[in-house]
Structures are given as structure tokens and as C-alpha cells.
Amino acid sequence: MSYWTHVNGSIIVDVPGRTQEESEYVLKTVLKHLPVVTGSESDMDVFIQRQSGTNMSSSHDEYVMTTNNLVDRYGDRSRTRGWLEVQTKYILTVQGDLRDREFDDTFKEFMNWLCRLAKRVSVKSVLVRIEAEYSGKTTTLDYYGYDKNPFIHMEECNAWEDDNHIPSWTEHLLWRPYEGYTMPLSLLYKYYPEETEFRKK
């Protein structure tokens, strides 16, 4: 007879990114490098769904440039008054029917997975049920809000926010503007080759 545990629920995360593509890249990279919640036949799955609407908008692109690639409120390209709109919040649906696992094994693996996730992106809320089929053990993780959610306090700061200047795990996935400019140094080399300051670097 096989032991089964089941994991089902959702987690809302907020992911850094100046564009939708950058934010999705960071989230997918983070998820690919989390520890596995295992079963002998298949492991826990994670499905990504971007929240509806947008929570960031700008009249400039990610390089702080006004371009005709930005879109209007209808989603069409605007030649005059476009916006860069981004939704950085995502709903992660977790689901697993995990064979040959007892409750304590799955709970430990899932908490390891969740804590690692919370260090790398901001975990806004958690609503996940873990249950063991054979023993009947079950628990529901229900955390939300700033005061009732311990995971929201686990996210690592970026180097420019941290007194010790220690980079967060996701920081290498995001390009940083060169000091005093709105582009990374590699683009400044390309577009402003006449500047001796860049050639010296």
C-alpha cells in the first residue's frame, strides 16, 4: 500500500521588474532554482498566472526614454501619449499528489520550498492545504497581510538597500543603470562611444 500526501493552494508573490518580460524572467528563474517537493511518481507542480490589471505605469520606457513603442489605455501603440504598464504580482498555484510520502516529509519539503521562495521574491499571501491520505493528518497554511504573514519579512534586500551592501539572489537577473545615467554601462559604450569616461571603464 502506498502513502500519499496532497498539496493544493495558491500563493501571491510580487516580483521585481521594470517590464513585464523582466518580471516574468525573474520569477521563472527563481522557480527553476527552488528545492523540489517530491513524490516517487511526480513532484509538486507550480503554475504561474499574472494578476489582472497593472500595478506600475510610466510615461517612459525602462531606459527612461519617451518612445513610440508605448501603448495607450486600449493597448494600442500610441505615437504621442503611450504608457509602459506592468503587473508585478503573480498567483502561483501549487498542486501535488505525492506518492510514497508521509505528512511530515511533505510538510518539511514544502516549507523549505516556501521559505526559499520568500527570500527571493515578496510573498504577499499564502493559502495552501497539505494533507496525508493514510494518516489523516492535515494543515492549512493561511497567511496574509503585513502583520499576519511571516513570509513577507523574509525577502532579501538589494545591495543598494542593505547597509552591508550584500546583493540579493535576484539582483544579478536585473541590469542596473550606470551611475548618473539611465542605461547599463554596456549600452552607454554602444550609444555614446565619444564619451571618454566610458572608454576608460
Protein backbone atom coordinates (compact mmCIF):
# COMPACT_ATOMS: atom_id res chain seq x y z
CA MET A 1 0.00 0.00 0.00
CA SER A 2 1.36 3.45 -0.95
CA TYR A 3 1.41 6.51 1.24
CA TRP A 4 0.14 9.68 -0.44
CA THR A 5 0.23 13.32 0.54
CA HIS A 6 -1.52 16.11 -1.33
CA VAL A 7 -0.57 19.78 -1.69
CA ASN A 8 -3.10 22.26 -3.09
CA GLY A 9 -3.37 26.03 -2.88
CA SER A 10 -2.20 29.39 -4.07
CA ILE A 11 0.47 31.94 -3.23
CA ILE A 12 0.55 35.57 -4.32
CA VAL A 13 4.01 37.00 -4.97
CA ASP A 14 5.35 40.39 -6.03
CA VAL A 15 8.36 40.14 -8.34
CA PRO A 16 10.86 42.88 -9.24
CA GLY A 17 10.99 44.03 -12.86
CA ARG A 18 10.81 47.20 -14.93
CA THR A 19 8.95 45.46 -17.75
CA GLN A 20 6.53 42.53 -17.87
CA GLU A 21 9.15 40.41 -19.61
CA GLU A 22 11.80 41.22 -17.00
CA SER A 23 9.45 40.40 -14.12
CA GLU A 24 8.40 37.08 -15.68
CA TYR A 25 12.02 36.17 -16.38
CA VAL A 26 12.96 36.77 -12.75
CA LEU A 27 10.02 34.71 -11.43
CA LYS A 28 10.61 31.77 -13.78
CA THR A 29 14.31 31.74 -12.94
CA VAL A 30 13.59 31.79 -9.21
CA LEU A 31 11.09 28.91 -9.51
CA LYS A 32 13.53 26.79 -11.52
CA HIS A 33 16.10 27.02 -8.73
CA LEU A 34 13.89 26.19 -5.75
CA PRO A 35 14.17 22.85 -3.93
CA VAL A 36 11.80 20.14 -5.12
CA VAL A 37 8.72 18.95 -3.20
CA THR A 38 8.99 15.30 -4.12
CA GLY A 39 6.87 12.26 -4.81
CA SER A 40 8.03 8.89 -6.11
CA GLU A 41 5.94 9.23 -9.29
CA SER A 42 5.80 13.00 -9.78
CA ASP A 43 6.76 16.11 -7.88
CA MET A 44 4.73 19.17 -6.91
CA ASP A 45 3.80 21.38 -9.86
CA VAL A 46 3.72 25.19 -9.85
CA PHE A 47 1.56 27.13 -12.31
CA ILE A 48 2.05 30.86 -12.94
CA GLN A 49 -0.82 33.28 -13.51
CA ARG A 50 -0.25 37.02 -13.76
CA GLN A 51 -2.79 39.04 -11.81
CA SER A 52 -5.19 41.09 -13.90
CA GLY A 53 -4.61 44.78 -14.42
CA THR A 54 -1.38 46.64 -13.76
CA ASN A 55 0.26 47.98 -10.63
CA MET A 56 3.03 50.05 -12.25
CA SER A 57 2.85 52.55 -15.09
CA SER A 58 5.21 55.08 -16.59
CA SER A 59 5.17 57.53 -19.48
CA HIS A 60 8.72 56.38 -20.28
CA ASP A 61 10.25 53.00 -21.11
CA GLU A 62 12.65 51.08 -18.85
CA TYR A 63 15.54 53.28 -20.05
CA VAL A 64 13.58 56.41 -19.05
CA MET A 65 13.13 57.29 -22.71
CA THR A 66 9.97 58.52 -24.43
CA THR A 67 9.35 56.25 -27.42
CA ASN A 68 6.56 55.48 -29.86
CA ASN A 69 6.55 51.83 -28.75
CA LEU A 70 4.45 52.56 -25.66
CA VAL A 71 0.72 51.83 -25.70
CA ASP A 72 -2.41 53.79 -24.86
CA ARG A 73 -5.13 52.73 -22.42
CA TYR A 74 -6.65 50.46 -25.09
CA GLY A 75 -3.42 48.54 -25.59
CA ASP A 76 -2.66 50.14 -28.96
CA ARG A 77 0.64 51.77 -29.78
CA SER A 78 0.45 55.49 -29.19
CA ARG A 79 2.62 57.90 -31.12
CA THR A 80 2.18 60.63 -28.53
CA ARG A 81 0.96 59.61 -25.07
CA GLY A 82 1.79 55.96 -24.54
CA TRP A 83 2.41 54.21 -21.25
CA LEU A 84 4.61 51.37 -20.07
CA GLU A 85 2.30 49.31 -17.85
CA VAL A 86 3.45 46.36 -15.77
CA GLN A 87 1.80 43.91 -13.37
CA THR A 88 4.43 42.59 -10.95
CA LYS A 89 2.04 40.43 -8.90
CA TYR A 90 1.52 36.79 -9.80
CA ILE A 91 -0.64 33.97 -8.48
CA LEU A 92 1.28 30.72 -8.06
CA THR A 93 -0.96 27.66 -7.95
CA VAL A 94 0.75 24.71 -6.26
CA GLN A 95 -0.57 21.19 -6.80
CA GLY A 96 0.88 17.82 -5.99
CA ASP A 97 -0.35 14.26 -5.47
CA LEU A 98 2.80 12.87 -3.95
CA ARG A 99 3.21 9.11 -3.74
CA ASP A 100 5.26 7.34 -1.05
CA ARG A 101 5.38 10.43 1.15
CA GLU A 102 4.09 10.90 4.67
CA PHE A 103 2.81 14.17 6.04
CA ASP A 104 5.98 15.19 7.90
CA ASP A 105 8.14 14.60 4.81
CA THR A 106 5.95 16.71 2.54
CA PHE A 107 5.43 19.45 5.13
CA LYS A 108 9.18 19.81 5.64
CA GLU A 109 9.92 19.89 1.91
CA PHE A 110 7.13 22.37 1.20
CA MET A 111 8.22 24.74 3.98
CA ASN A 112 11.78 24.59 2.66
CA TRP A 113 10.44 25.45 -0.81
CA LEU A 114 8.25 28.28 0.52
CA CYS A 115 10.97 29.84 2.69
CA ARG A 116 13.42 29.84 -0.21
CA LEU A 117 10.78 31.45 -2.43
CA ALA A 118 10.11 34.11 0.23
CA LYS A 119 13.80 35.03 0.39
CA ARG A 120 13.90 35.72 -3.34
CA VAL A 121 10.56 37.42 -4.06
CA SER A 122 7.96 39.10 -1.87
CA VAL A 123 5.34 36.57 -0.72
CA LYS A 124 2.16 38.58 -0.18
CA SER A 125 -0.19 35.78 0.86
CA VAL A 126 -0.31 32.01 1.26
CA LEU A 127 -3.34 29.72 1.25
CA VAL A 128 -2.18 26.12 0.91
CA ARG A 129 -3.54 22.83 2.29
CA ILE A 130 -1.29 19.84 2.93
CA GLU A 131 -2.91 16.54 3.81
CA ALA A 132 -1.86 12.93 4.23
CA GLU A 133 -4.24 10.38 2.80
CA TYR A 134 -3.32 7.44 5.03
CA SER A 135 -2.85 9.08 8.44
CA GLY A 136 -5.47 11.80 8.03
CA LYS A 137 -3.01 14.49 9.14
CA THR A 138 -3.72 17.86 7.59
CA THR A 139 -2.80 21.52 7.90
CA THR A 140 -3.80 24.72 6.15
CA LEU A 141 -1.24 27.49 5.76
CA ASP A 142 -3.22 30.74 5.72
CA TYR A 143 -1.06 33.86 5.86
CA TYR A 144 -1.83 37.33 4.53
CA GLY A 145 -1.19 40.97 5.31
CA TYR A 146 1.88 42.61 6.74
CA ASP A 147 1.30 41.62 10.38
CA LYS A 148 -0.09 38.10 9.88
CA ASN A 149 2.34 36.90 7.23
CA PRO A 150 5.83 35.92 8.44
CA PHE A 151 6.98 35.20 4.88
CA ILE A 152 6.64 38.80 3.78
CA HIS A 153 9.52 39.73 6.10
CA MET A 154 11.93 37.15 4.66
CA GLU A 155 12.72 38.80 1.33
CA GLU A 156 16.39 39.71 0.94
CA CYS A 157 17.16 43.38 0.38
CA ASN A 158 19.01 44.55 -2.70
CA ALA A 159 22.60 45.73 -2.22
CA TRP A 160 21.63 49.39 -2.59
CA GLU A 161 19.04 48.97 0.21
CA ASP A 162 21.23 46.96 2.57
CA ASP A 163 23.75 48.62 4.92
CA ASN A 164 26.19 45.75 4.31
CA HIS A 165 25.73 46.04 0.51
CA ILE A 166 25.11 42.32 0.17
CA PRO A 167 23.27 41.60 -3.11
CA SER A 168 20.02 39.66 -3.08
CA TRP A 169 19.72 36.43 -5.06
CA THR A 170 17.63 38.06 -7.81
CA GLU A 171 19.82 41.12 -8.20
CA HIS A 172 22.05 39.56 -10.86
CA LEU A 173 18.95 39.00 -13.03
CA LEU A 174 18.22 42.74 -13.23
CA TRP A 175 20.51 45.12 -15.08
CA ARG A 176 21.44 48.23 -13.13
CA PRO A 177 21.80 51.75 -14.53
CA TYR A 178 25.33 53.10 -14.63
CA GLU A 179 25.89 55.86 -12.06
CA GLY A 180 24.07 59.02 -13.07
CA TYR A 181 22.67 57.51 -16.28
CA THR A 182 19.53 55.57 -17.21
CA MET A 183 21.24 52.76 -19.14
CA PRO A 184 23.63 49.97 -18.24
CA LEU A 185 27.31 50.60 -18.99
CA SER A 186 27.30 48.21 -21.97
CA LEU A 187 24.68 50.34 -23.78
CA LEU A 188 26.49 53.56 -22.92
CA TYR A 189 29.58 52.12 -24.63
CA LYS A 190 27.47 51.42 -27.70
CA TYR A 191 25.45 54.63 -27.99
CA TYR A 192 27.88 57.16 -26.56
CA PRO A 193 31.33 55.94 -27.72
CA GLU A 194 32.66 59.50 -27.82
CA GLU A 195 32.47 59.77 -24.03
CA THR A 196 36.00 59.06 -22.76
CA GLU A 197 34.58 58.26 -19.32
CA PHE A 198 33.01 55.06 -20.69
CA ARG A 199 36.06 54.02 -22.69
CA LYS A 200 38.17 54.07 -19.53
CA LYS A 201 35.94 51.57 -17.72
